[in-house]
Amino acid sequence: MRLAENAGGVKFQLRSVDFQTYLIAASILWDKVESRDQYPFSLPAISHVSEIKFHPKVTFLVGENGSGKSTLIEALAIAWGFNAEGGTKNFNFKTHNANSNLNEYLRLTKAPRRARDGFFLRAESYFNLATEIERLDIDDATVNSPPVKSYYGGKSLHNQSHGESFFALLDNRFGGNGLYILDEPEAALSPSRQLSMLARMHELINRNSQFIIATHSPILMAYPDAWIYQVSNKGLDRIDYKDTEHYQVTRDFLNRTDAMLDVLLER
């Protein structure tokens, strides 16, 4: 708790979770970019952006496939110190050199408070992360220390469904007081599991955690008071939840299923 004073001199208490954050903003160093016409600087999520500010609890990036939101998420994670294919800062593996160099042109504005935990999850390379965990346990089998998988629930992530292994990660490896950067986590989750993820996120946020998430899920982006940036040809625009295309398309389809199917299927 922290004491603050308002304009009238009345003292009141602020909870640290309300104003503390780990990643405040990220700026693109355009003066160092040789050409805005080259990838990744030509992507809509990047080309018109000078700075993006992050909510102390949850920030979402939403937009069409190919808009650049995952490229931006990846660059943020690498600039923070995470492995490009996912994991914590302690992971250092590479199966395919496909990441852009955008991280080299980012300046992160960090809060004085240091994150004690953190993780970068990207759906497309989660299999590679699970494989690396198994490799580490094989290589360290003779070392007198707990296997790496013990920090992920004790069971091989490969021996679980995609959704089960993701929740093993969420429940066991995410410990709070950390920055968690997630790229399309809903790829592994059913709608009911996405609701469970919201509840787990809330627990971690109450333990002073911050999330930055690229998603297509109208369920996840419903988290209260989150900032939602929608990618357009003009760059990134802050938008209200019910103004997102994801919410509106889903709502219209559920409310007018037969009519929309008639149009889509030309029945």
C-alpha atoms as a PDB file:
ATOM      1  CA  MET A   1       0.000   0.000   0.000  1.00  0.00           C
ATOM      2  CA  ARG A   2       1.092   3.568  -0.630  1.00  0.00           C
ATOM      3  CA  LEU A   3      -0.200   6.871   0.763  1.00  0.00           C
ATOM      4  CA  ALA A   4      -1.028   9.612  -1.715  1.00  0.00           C
ATOM      5  CA  GLU A   5      -2.534  13.053  -1.313  1.00  0.00           C
ATOM      6  CA  ASN A   6      -5.211  14.638  -3.463  1.00  0.00           C
ATOM      7  CA  ALA A   7      -5.610  18.321  -4.342  1.00  0.00           C
ATOM      8  CA  GLY A   8      -7.567  18.948  -1.138  1.00  0.00           C
ATOM      9  CA  GLY A   9      -4.836  17.525   1.036  1.00  0.00           C
ATOM     10  CA  VAL A  10      -6.803  14.372   1.873  1.00  0.00           C
ATOM     11  CA  LYS A  11      -4.623  11.308   2.171  1.00  0.00           C
ATOM     12  CA  PHE A  12      -5.751   8.008   0.688  1.00  0.00           C
ATOM     13  CA  GLN A  13      -4.258   4.612  -0.009  1.00  0.00           C
ATOM     14  CA  LEU A  14      -3.212   3.284  -3.397  1.00  0.00           C
ATOM     15  CA  ARG A  15      -2.678  -0.405  -4.047  1.00  0.00           C
ATOM     16  CA  SER A  16       0.610  -1.032  -5.826  1.00  0.00           C
ATOM     17  CA  VAL A  17      -1.139  -3.200  -8.401  1.00  0.00           C
ATOM     18  CA  ASP A  18      -3.130  -0.160  -9.515  1.00  0.00           C
ATOM     19  CA  PHE A  19      -0.204   1.922 -10.703  1.00  0.00           C
ATOM     20  CA  GLN A  20       2.833  -0.347 -10.940  1.00  0.00           C
ATOM     21  CA  THR A  21       3.767  -1.983 -14.189  1.00  0.00           C
ATOM     22  CA  TYR A  22       6.825  -3.534 -15.771  1.00  0.00           C
ATOM     23  CA  LEU A  23       6.616  -2.417 -19.387  1.00  0.00           C
ATOM     24  CA  ILE A  24       5.249   1.106 -19.742  1.00  0.00           C
ATOM     25  CA  ALA A  25       5.790   1.772 -23.446  1.00  0.00           C
ATOM     26  CA  ALA A  26       7.770   0.871 -26.542  1.00  0.00           C
ATOM     27  CA  SER A  27       9.059   3.296 -29.168  1.00  0.00           C
ATOM     28  CA  ILE A  28      10.285   2.572 -32.676  1.00  0.00           C
ATOM     29  CA  LEU A  29      13.619   4.240 -33.463  1.00  0.00           C
ATOM     30  CA  TRP A  30      12.616   5.455 -36.902  1.00  0.00           C
ATOM     31  CA  ASP A  31      15.757   7.566 -37.273  1.00  0.00           C
ATOM     32  CA  LYS A  32      17.734   4.321 -37.452  1.00  0.00           C
ATOM     33  CA  VAL A  33      15.459   2.625 -39.998  1.00  0.00           C
ATOM     34  CA  GLU A  34      16.924   2.665 -43.508  1.00  0.00           C
ATOM     35  CA  SER A  35      13.641   2.106 -45.364  1.00  0.00           C
ATOM     36  CA  ARG A  36      10.020   2.167 -44.260  1.00  0.00           C
ATOM     37  CA  ASP A  37       9.125   0.146 -47.362  1.00  0.00           C
ATOM     38  CA  GLN A  38      10.950  -2.970 -46.191  1.00  0.00           C
ATOM     39  CA  TYR A  39       9.620  -5.732 -43.932  1.00  0.00           C
ATOM     40  CA  PRO A  40       8.797  -5.501 -41.059  1.00  0.00           C
ATOM     41  CA  PHE A  41       8.532  -1.699 -41.101  1.00  0.00           C
ATOM     42  CA  SER A  42       5.975  -1.748 -43.906  1.00  0.00           C
ATOM     43  CA  LEU A  43       3.449  -3.746 -41.856  1.00  0.00           C
ATOM     44  CA  PRO A  44       0.298  -1.851 -40.752  1.00  0.00           C
ATOM     45  CA  ALA A  45       0.943  -2.560 -37.059  1.00  0.00           C
ATOM     46  CA  ILE A  46       4.325  -0.875 -37.335  1.00  0.00           C
ATOM     47  CA  SER A  47       4.481   1.550 -40.264  1.00  0.00           C
ATOM     48  CA  HIS A  48       2.459   4.357 -38.646  1.00  0.00           C
ATOM     49  CA  VAL A  49       3.512   3.775 -35.035  1.00  0.00           C
ATOM     50  CA  SER A  50       6.033   5.851 -33.117  1.00  0.00           C
ATOM     51  CA  GLU A  51       5.115   4.716 -29.600  1.00  0.00           C
ATOM     52  CA  ILE A  52       2.720   2.261 -28.003  1.00  0.00           C
ATOM     53  CA  LYS A  53       1.791   2.551 -24.334  1.00  0.00           C
ATOM     54  CA  PHE A  54       0.760  -0.446 -22.272  1.00  0.00           C
ATOM     55  CA  HIS A  55      -1.896  -0.843 -19.608  1.00  0.00           C
ATOM     56  CA  PRO A  56      -0.421  -1.869 -16.241  1.00  0.00           C
ATOM     57  CA  LYS A  57      -2.645  -4.952 -16.217  1.00  0.00           C
ATOM     58  CA  VAL A  58      -3.710  -6.108 -19.698  1.00  0.00           C
ATOM     59  CA  THR A  59      -3.102  -4.848 -23.220  1.00  0.00           C
ATOM     60  CA  PHE A  60      -4.525  -6.585 -26.291  1.00  0.00           C
ATOM     61  CA  LEU A  61      -3.413  -6.292 -29.906  1.00  0.00           C
ATOM     62  CA  VAL A  62      -6.096  -7.320 -32.389  1.00  0.00           C
ATOM     63  CA  GLY A  63      -6.286  -7.285 -36.161  1.00  0.00           C
ATOM     64  CA  GLU A  64      -6.388  -9.308 -39.334  1.00  0.00           C
ATOM     65  CA  ASN A  65      -3.884 -12.033 -40.166  1.00  0.00           C
ATOM     66  CA  GLY A  66      -0.794 -10.512 -41.720  1.00  0.00           C
ATOM     67  CA  SER A  67      -1.327  -7.115 -40.119  1.00  0.00           C
ATOM     68  CA  GLY A  68       1.868  -7.415 -38.093  1.00  0.00           C
ATOM     69  CA  LYS A  69       0.551  -7.813 -34.554  1.00  0.00           C
ATOM     70  CA  SER A  70       2.434 -11.076 -33.991  1.00  0.00           C
ATOM     71  CA  THR A  71       5.597  -9.529 -35.421  1.00  0.00           C
ATOM     72  CA  LEU A  72       5.249  -6.660 -32.953  1.00  0.00           C
ATOM     73  CA  ILE A  73       4.546  -9.039 -30.053  1.00  0.00           C
ATOM     74  CA  GLU A  74       7.595 -11.101 -30.963  1.00  0.00           C
ATOM     75  CA  ALA A  75       9.834  -8.029 -31.120  1.00  0.00           C
ATOM     76  CA  LEU A  76       8.602  -6.850 -27.703  1.00  0.00           C
ATOM     77  CA  ALA A  77       9.364 -10.258 -26.220  1.00  0.00           C
ATOM     78  CA  ILE A  78      12.873 -10.426 -27.697  1.00  0.00           C
ATOM     79  CA  ALA A  79      13.629  -6.850 -26.640  1.00  0.00           C
ATOM     80  CA  TRP A  80      12.573  -7.782 -23.101  1.00  0.00           C
ATOM     81  CA  GLY A  81      15.031 -10.681 -23.176  1.00  0.00           C
ATOM     82  CA  PHE A  82      12.831 -13.680 -23.953  1.00  0.00           C
ATOM     83  CA  ASN A  83      13.775 -16.379 -26.420  1.00  0.00           C
ATOM     84  CA  ALA A  84      12.332 -15.746 -29.901  1.00  0.00           C
ATOM     85  CA  GLU A  85      10.518 -19.092 -29.998  1.00  0.00           C
ATOM     86  CA  GLY A  86       9.096 -18.795 -26.522  1.00  0.00           C
ATOM     87  CA  GLY A  87       9.896 -19.534 -22.920  1.00  0.00           C
ATOM     88  CA  THR A  88      11.574 -17.593 -20.155  1.00  0.00           C
ATOM     89  CA  LYS A  89      14.761 -15.561 -20.280  1.00  0.00           C
ATOM     90  CA  ASN A  90      16.621 -18.772 -19.437  1.00  0.00           C
ATOM     91  CA  PHE A  91      15.675 -20.489 -22.686  1.00  0.00           C
ATOM     92  CA  ASN A  92      18.145 -20.258 -25.532  1.00  0.00           C
ATOM     93  CA  PHE A  93      17.175 -22.490 -28.427  1.00  0.00           C
ATOM     94  CA  LYS A  94      16.417 -21.960 -32.093  1.00  0.00           C
ATOM     95  CA  THR A  95      14.806 -24.331 -34.566  1.00  0.00           C
ATOM     96  CA  HIS A  96      14.197 -21.867 -37.378  1.00  0.00           C
ATOM     97  CA  ASN A  97      15.504 -18.332 -37.863  1.00  0.00           C
ATOM     98  CA  ALA A  98      12.244 -16.653 -38.849  1.00  0.00           C
ATOM     99  CA  ASN A  99      12.011 -13.673 -36.510  1.00  0.00           C
ATOM    100  CA  SER A 100      12.374 -10.144 -37.831  1.00  0.00           C
ATOM    101  CA  ASN A 101      14.963  -7.627 -36.646  1.00  0.00           C
ATOM    102  CA  LEU A 102      12.315  -5.228 -35.325  1.00  0.00           C
ATOM    103  CA  ASN A 103      13.525  -5.738 -31.755  1.00  0.00           C
ATOM    104  CA  GLU A 104      16.770  -3.980 -32.679  1.00  0.00           C
ATOM    105  CA  TYR A 105      14.783  -0.808 -33.409  1.00  0.00           C
ATOM    106  CA  LEU A 106      12.690  -0.779 -30.239  1.00  0.00           C
ATOM    107  CA  ARG A 107      13.295   1.299 -27.139  1.00  0.00           C
ATOM    108  CA  LEU A 108      11.455  -0.053 -24.116  1.00  0.00           C
ATOM    109  CA  THR A 109      10.336   2.208 -21.292  1.00  0.00           C
ATOM    110  CA  LYS A 110      10.465   0.111 -18.145  1.00  0.00           C
ATOM    111  CA  ALA A 111       9.120   0.844 -14.690  1.00  0.00           C
ATOM    112  CA  PRO A 112      11.547   0.986 -11.753  1.00  0.00           C
ATOM    113  CA  ARG A 113       9.901  -2.089 -10.315  1.00  0.00           C
ATOM    114  CA  ARG A 114      11.505  -5.281 -11.626  1.00  0.00           C
ATOM    115  CA  ALA A 115       9.512  -8.298 -12.750  1.00  0.00           C
ATOM    116  CA  ARG A 116      10.376 -11.447 -10.823  1.00  0.00           C
ATOM    117  CA  ASP A 117       8.806 -13.743 -13.388  1.00  0.00           C
ATOM    118  CA  GLY A 118       7.951 -13.728 -17.061  1.00  0.00           C
ATOM    119  CA  PHE A 119       7.180 -15.852 -20.077  1.00  0.00           C
ATOM    120  CA  PHE A 120       6.735 -15.518 -23.820  1.00  0.00           C
ATOM    121  CA  LEU A 121       4.167 -17.865 -25.333  1.00  0.00           C
ATOM    122  CA  ARG A 122       3.666 -18.106 -29.063  1.00  0.00           C
ATOM    123  CA  ALA A 123       1.161 -20.657 -30.294  1.00  0.00           C
ATOM    124  CA  GLU A 124       3.015 -21.473 -33.523  1.00  0.00           C
ATOM    125  CA  SER A 125       6.221 -22.563 -31.773  1.00  0.00           C
ATOM    126  CA  TYR A 126       4.782 -24.092 -28.594  1.00  0.00           C
ATOM    127  CA  PHE A 127       5.643 -27.580 -29.892  1.00  0.00           C
ATOM    128  CA  ASN A 128       9.292 -26.507 -30.185  1.00  0.00           C
ATOM    129  CA  LEU A 129       9.246 -25.233 -26.604  1.00  0.00           C
ATOM    130  CA  ALA A 130       7.850 -28.540 -25.323  1.00  0.00           C
ATOM    131  CA  THR A 131      10.548 -30.404 -27.259  1.00  0.00           C
ATOM    132  CA  GLU A 132      13.267 -28.208 -25.771  1.00  0.00           C
ATOM    133  CA  ILE A 133      12.022 -28.919 -22.240  1.00  0.00           C
ATOM    134  CA  GLU A 134      12.276 -32.659 -22.917  1.00  0.00           C
ATOM    135  CA  ARG A 135      15.757 -32.239 -24.401  1.00  0.00           C
ATOM    136  CA  LEU A 136      16.942 -30.316 -21.344  1.00  0.00           C
ATOM    137  CA  ASP A 137      15.643 -33.023 -19.024  1.00  0.00           C
ATOM    138  CA  ILE A 138      17.452 -35.726 -21.014  1.00  0.00           C
ATOM    139  CA  ASP A 139      20.714 -33.761 -21.068  1.00  0.00           C
ATOM    140  CA  ASP A 140      20.482 -32.948 -17.336  1.00  0.00           C
ATOM    141  CA  ALA A 141      19.337 -36.410 -16.215  1.00  0.00           C
ATOM    142  CA  THR A 142      22.546 -36.951 -14.232  1.00  0.00           C
ATOM    143  CA  VAL A 143      22.443 -33.529 -12.574  1.00  0.00           C
ATOM    144  CA  ASN A 144      21.162 -33.476  -9.007  1.00  0.00           C
ATOM    145  CA  SER A 145      18.338 -31.010  -9.672  1.00  0.00           C
ATOM    146  CA  PRO A 146      14.602 -31.232 -10.395  1.00  0.00           C
ATOM    147  CA  PRO A 147      13.696 -31.883 -14.039  1.00  0.00           C
ATOM    148  CA  VAL A 148      12.558 -28.845 -15.993  1.00  0.00           C
ATOM    149  CA  LYS A 149       9.132 -30.407 -16.536  1.00  0.00           C
ATOM    150  CA  SER A 150       8.540 -30.314 -12.767  1.00  0.00           C
ATOM    151  CA  TYR A 151       8.006 -26.555 -13.142  1.00  0.00           C
ATOM    152  CA  TYR A 152       5.301 -27.264 -15.737  1.00  0.00           C
ATOM    153  CA  GLY A 153       3.200 -29.691 -13.721  1.00  0.00           C
ATOM    154  CA  GLY A 154       5.576 -32.662 -13.754  1.00  0.00           C
ATOM    155  CA  LYS A 155       4.168 -34.269 -16.910  1.00  0.00           C
ATOM    156  CA  SER A 156       5.552 -34.079 -20.425  1.00  0.00           C
ATOM    157  CA  LEU A 157       3.828 -31.322 -22.369  1.00  0.00           C
ATOM    158  CA  HIS A 158       3.914 -33.598 -25.409  1.00  0.00           C
ATOM    159  CA  ASN A 159       1.866 -36.234 -23.575  1.00  0.00           C
ATOM    160  CA  GLN A 160      -1.048 -33.858 -23.126  1.00  0.00           C
ATOM    161  CA  SER A 161      -3.470 -32.229 -25.503  1.00  0.00           C
ATOM    162  CA  HIS A 162      -2.564 -28.762 -26.696  1.00  0.00           C
ATOM    163  CA  GLY A 163      -5.107 -27.214 -24.344  1.00  0.00           C
ATOM    164  CA  GLU A 164      -4.061 -29.339 -21.366  1.00  0.00           C
ATOM    165  CA  SER A 165      -0.385 -28.536 -21.833  1.00  0.00           C
ATOM    166  CA  PHE A 166      -1.149 -24.837 -22.126  1.00  0.00           C
ATOM    167  CA  PHE A 167      -3.036 -24.899 -18.836  1.00  0.00           C
ATOM    168  CA  ALA A 168      -0.191 -26.850 -17.228  1.00  0.00           C
ATOM    169  CA  LEU A 169       1.959 -23.898 -18.215  1.00  0.00           C
ATOM    170  CA  LEU A 170      -0.557 -21.308 -17.039  1.00  0.00           C
ATOM    171  CA  ASP A 171      -1.256 -22.978 -13.707  1.00  0.00           C
ATOM    172  CA  ASN A 172       2.239 -24.121 -12.792  1.00  0.00           C
ATOM    173  CA  ARG A 173       4.844 -21.971 -14.518  1.00  0.00           C
ATOM    174  CA  PHE A 174       3.159 -18.551 -14.314  1.00  0.00           C
ATOM    175  CA  GLY A 175       3.752 -17.547 -10.717  1.00  0.00           C
ATOM    176  CA  GLY A 176       2.833 -13.876 -10.565  1.00  0.00           C
ATOM    177  CA  ASN A 177       4.866 -10.675 -10.180  1.00  0.00           C
ATOM    178  CA  GLY A 178       5.740 -11.036 -13.832  1.00  0.00           C
ATOM    179  CA  LEU A 179       5.366  -9.884 -17.404  1.00  0.00           C
ATOM    180  CA  TYR A 180       3.612 -12.386 -19.651  1.00  0.00           C
ATOM    181  CA  ILE A 181       3.617 -11.834 -23.408  1.00  0.00           C
ATOM    182  CA  LEU A 182       1.259 -14.152 -25.273  1.00  0.00           C
ATOM    183  CA  ASP A 183       0.703 -14.590 -28.993  1.00  0.00           C
ATOM    184  CA  GLU A 184      -2.713 -16.065 -29.851  1.00  0.00           C
ATOM    185  CA  PRO A 185      -3.069 -18.261 -26.746  1.00  0.00           C
ATOM    186  CA  GLU A 186      -6.664 -19.075 -27.720  1.00  0.00           C
ATOM    187  CA  ALA A 187      -5.344 -21.376 -30.470  1.00  0.00           C
ATOM    188  CA  ALA A 188      -5.126 -24.136 -27.881  1.00  0.00           C
ATOM    189  CA  LEU A 189      -8.327 -23.410 -25.989  1.00  0.00           C
ATOM    190  CA  SER A 190     -12.006 -24.220 -26.272  1.00  0.00           C
ATOM    191  CA  PRO A 191     -14.446 -21.412 -25.396  1.00  0.00           C
ATOM    192  CA  SER A 192     -14.910 -22.772 -21.865  1.00  0.00           C
ATOM    193  CA  ARG A 193     -11.144 -22.990 -21.425  1.00  0.00           C
ATOM    194  CA  GLN A 194     -10.816 -19.393 -22.574  1.00  0.00           C
ATOM    195  CA  LEU A 195     -13.180 -18.431 -19.761  1.00  0.00           C
ATOM    196  CA  SER A 196     -10.956 -20.377 -17.366  1.00  0.00           C
ATOM    197  CA  MET A 197      -7.967 -18.509 -18.732  1.00  0.00           C
ATOM    198  CA  LEU A 198      -9.660 -15.198 -17.917  1.00  0.00           C
ATOM    199  CA  ALA A 199     -10.089 -16.333 -14.327  1.00  0.00           C
ATOM    200  CA  ARG A 200      -6.450 -17.466 -14.096  1.00  0.00           C
ATOM    201  CA  MET A 201      -5.251 -14.193 -15.631  1.00  0.00           C
ATOM    202  CA  HIS A 202      -7.212 -12.309 -12.990  1.00  0.00           C
ATOM    203  CA  GLU A 203      -5.523 -14.295 -10.220  1.00  0.00           C
ATOM    204  CA  LEU A 204      -2.109 -13.457 -11.640  1.00  0.00           C
ATOM    205  CA  ILE A 205      -2.983  -9.796 -12.159  1.00  0.00           C
ATOM    206  CA  ASN A 206      -3.927  -9.628  -8.494  1.00  0.00           C
ATOM    207  CA  ARG A 207      -0.398 -10.872  -7.855  1.00  0.00           C
ATOM    208  CA  ASN A 208       1.038  -7.834  -9.628  1.00  0.00           C
ATOM    209  CA  SER A 209       1.308  -9.349 -13.093  1.00  0.00           C
ATOM    210  CA  GLN A 210       1.040  -7.661 -16.480  1.00  0.00           C
ATOM    211  CA  PHE A 211      -0.162  -9.266 -19.723  1.00  0.00           C
ATOM    212  CA  ILE A 212       0.398  -8.193 -23.334  1.00  0.00           C
ATOM    213  CA  ILE A 213      -1.601 -10.423 -25.671  1.00  0.00           C
ATOM    214  CA  ALA A 214      -2.134 -10.666 -29.418  1.00  0.00           C
ATOM    215  CA  THR A 215      -5.473 -12.388 -29.937  1.00  0.00           C
ATOM    216  CA  HIS A 216      -8.496 -13.010 -32.135  1.00  0.00           C
ATOM    217  CA  SER A 217     -10.633 -14.110 -29.197  1.00  0.00           C
ATOM    218  CA  PRO A 218     -13.609 -11.901 -28.260  1.00  0.00           C
ATOM    219  CA  ILE A 219     -13.760 -13.860 -24.995  1.00  0.00           C
ATOM    220  CA  LEU A 220     -10.231 -13.025 -23.878  1.00  0.00           C
ATOM    221  CA  MET A 221     -10.361  -9.389 -24.933  1.00  0.00           C
ATOM    222  CA  ALA A 222     -13.414  -8.882 -22.692  1.00  0.00           C
ATOM    223  CA  TYR A 223     -11.129  -8.594 -19.651  1.00  0.00           C
ATOM    224  CA  PRO A 224     -12.376  -5.507 -17.732  1.00  0.00           C
ATOM    225  CA  ASP A 225     -10.561  -2.193 -18.240  1.00  0.00           C
ATOM    226  CA  ALA A 226      -8.011  -3.691 -20.630  1.00  0.00           C
ATOM    227  CA  TRP A 227      -6.579  -1.539 -23.387  1.00  0.00           C
ATOM    228  CA  ILE A 228      -7.342  -2.863 -26.855  1.00  0.00           C
ATOM    229  CA  TYR A 229      -5.292  -1.727 -29.835  1.00  0.00           C
ATOM    230  CA  GLN A 230      -6.808  -2.565 -33.192  1.00  0.00           C
ATOM    231  CA  VAL A 231      -4.512  -2.724 -36.197  1.00  0.00           C
ATOM    232  CA  SER A 232      -5.668  -0.819 -39.245  1.00  0.00           C
ATOM    233  CA  ASN A 233      -4.003   0.658 -42.321  1.00  0.00           C
ATOM    234  CA  LYS A 234      -3.459   3.766 -40.179  1.00  0.00           C
ATOM    235  CA  GLY A 235      -1.549   1.880 -37.508  1.00  0.00           C
ATOM    236  CA  LEU A 236      -2.732   1.115 -33.974  1.00  0.00           C
ATOM    237  CA  ASP A 237      -5.907   2.663 -32.591  1.00  0.00           C
ATOM    238  CA  ARG A 238      -7.240   2.303 -29.051  1.00  0.00           C
ATOM    239  CA  ILE A 239     -10.752   0.941 -29.314  1.00  0.00           C
ATOM    240  CA  ASP A 240     -13.548  -0.099 -26.952  1.00  0.00           C
ATOM    241  CA  TYR A 241     -14.287  -3.781 -26.634  1.00  0.00           C
ATOM    242  CA  LYS A 242     -17.756  -3.635 -28.205  1.00  0.00           C
ATOM    243  CA  ASP A 243     -16.397  -1.613 -31.127  1.00  0.00           C
ATOM    244  CA  THR A 244     -13.966  -4.337 -32.177  1.00  0.00           C
ATOM    245  CA  GLU A 245     -14.754  -6.264 -35.320  1.00  0.00           C
ATOM    246  CA  HIS A 246     -14.222  -9.490 -33.385  1.00  0.00           C
ATOM    247  CA  TYR A 247     -17.013  -8.691 -30.952  1.00  0.00           C
ATOM    248  CA  GLN A 248     -19.399  -7.373 -33.595  1.00  0.00           C
ATOM    249  CA  VAL A 249     -18.959 -10.256 -36.045  1.00  0.00           C
ATOM    250  CA  THR A 250     -19.352 -12.845 -33.281  1.00  0.00           C
ATOM    251  CA  ARG A 251     -22.414 -11.095 -31.840  1.00  0.00           C
ATOM    252  CA  ASP A 252     -24.079 -10.754 -35.239  1.00  0.00           C
ATOM    253  CA  PHE A 253     -23.410 -14.360 -36.152  1.00  0.00           C
ATOM    254  CA  LEU A 254     -24.807 -15.705 -32.875  1.00  0.00           C
ATOM    255  CA  ASN A 255     -27.844 -13.432 -32.980  1.00  0.00           C
ATOM    256  CA  ARG A 256     -28.585 -13.973 -36.687  1.00  0.00           C
ATOM    257  CA  THR A 257     -27.081 -17.361 -37.441  1.00  0.00           C
ATOM    258  CA  ASP A 258     -29.542 -18.544 -40.078  1.00  0.00           C
ATOM    259  CA  ALA A 259     -29.639 -15.209 -41.895  1.00  0.00           C
ATOM    260  CA  MET A 260     -25.850 -14.951 -42.026  1.00  0.00           C
ATOM    261  CA  LEU A 261     -25.495 -18.557 -43.185  1.00  0.00           C
ATOM    262  CA  ASP A 262     -28.005 -17.872 -45.944  1.00  0.00           C
ATOM    263  CA  VAL A 263     -25.816 -15.042 -47.181  1.00  0.00           C
ATOM    264  CA  LEU A 264     -22.470 -16.825 -46.743  1.00  0.00           C
ATOM    265  CA  LEU A 265     -23.606 -20.112 -48.258  1.00  0.00           C
ATOM    266  CA  GLU A 266     -25.945 -18.550 -50.822  1.00  0.00           C
ATOM    267  CA  ARG A 267     -28.785 -20.812 -49.688  1.00  0.00           C
END
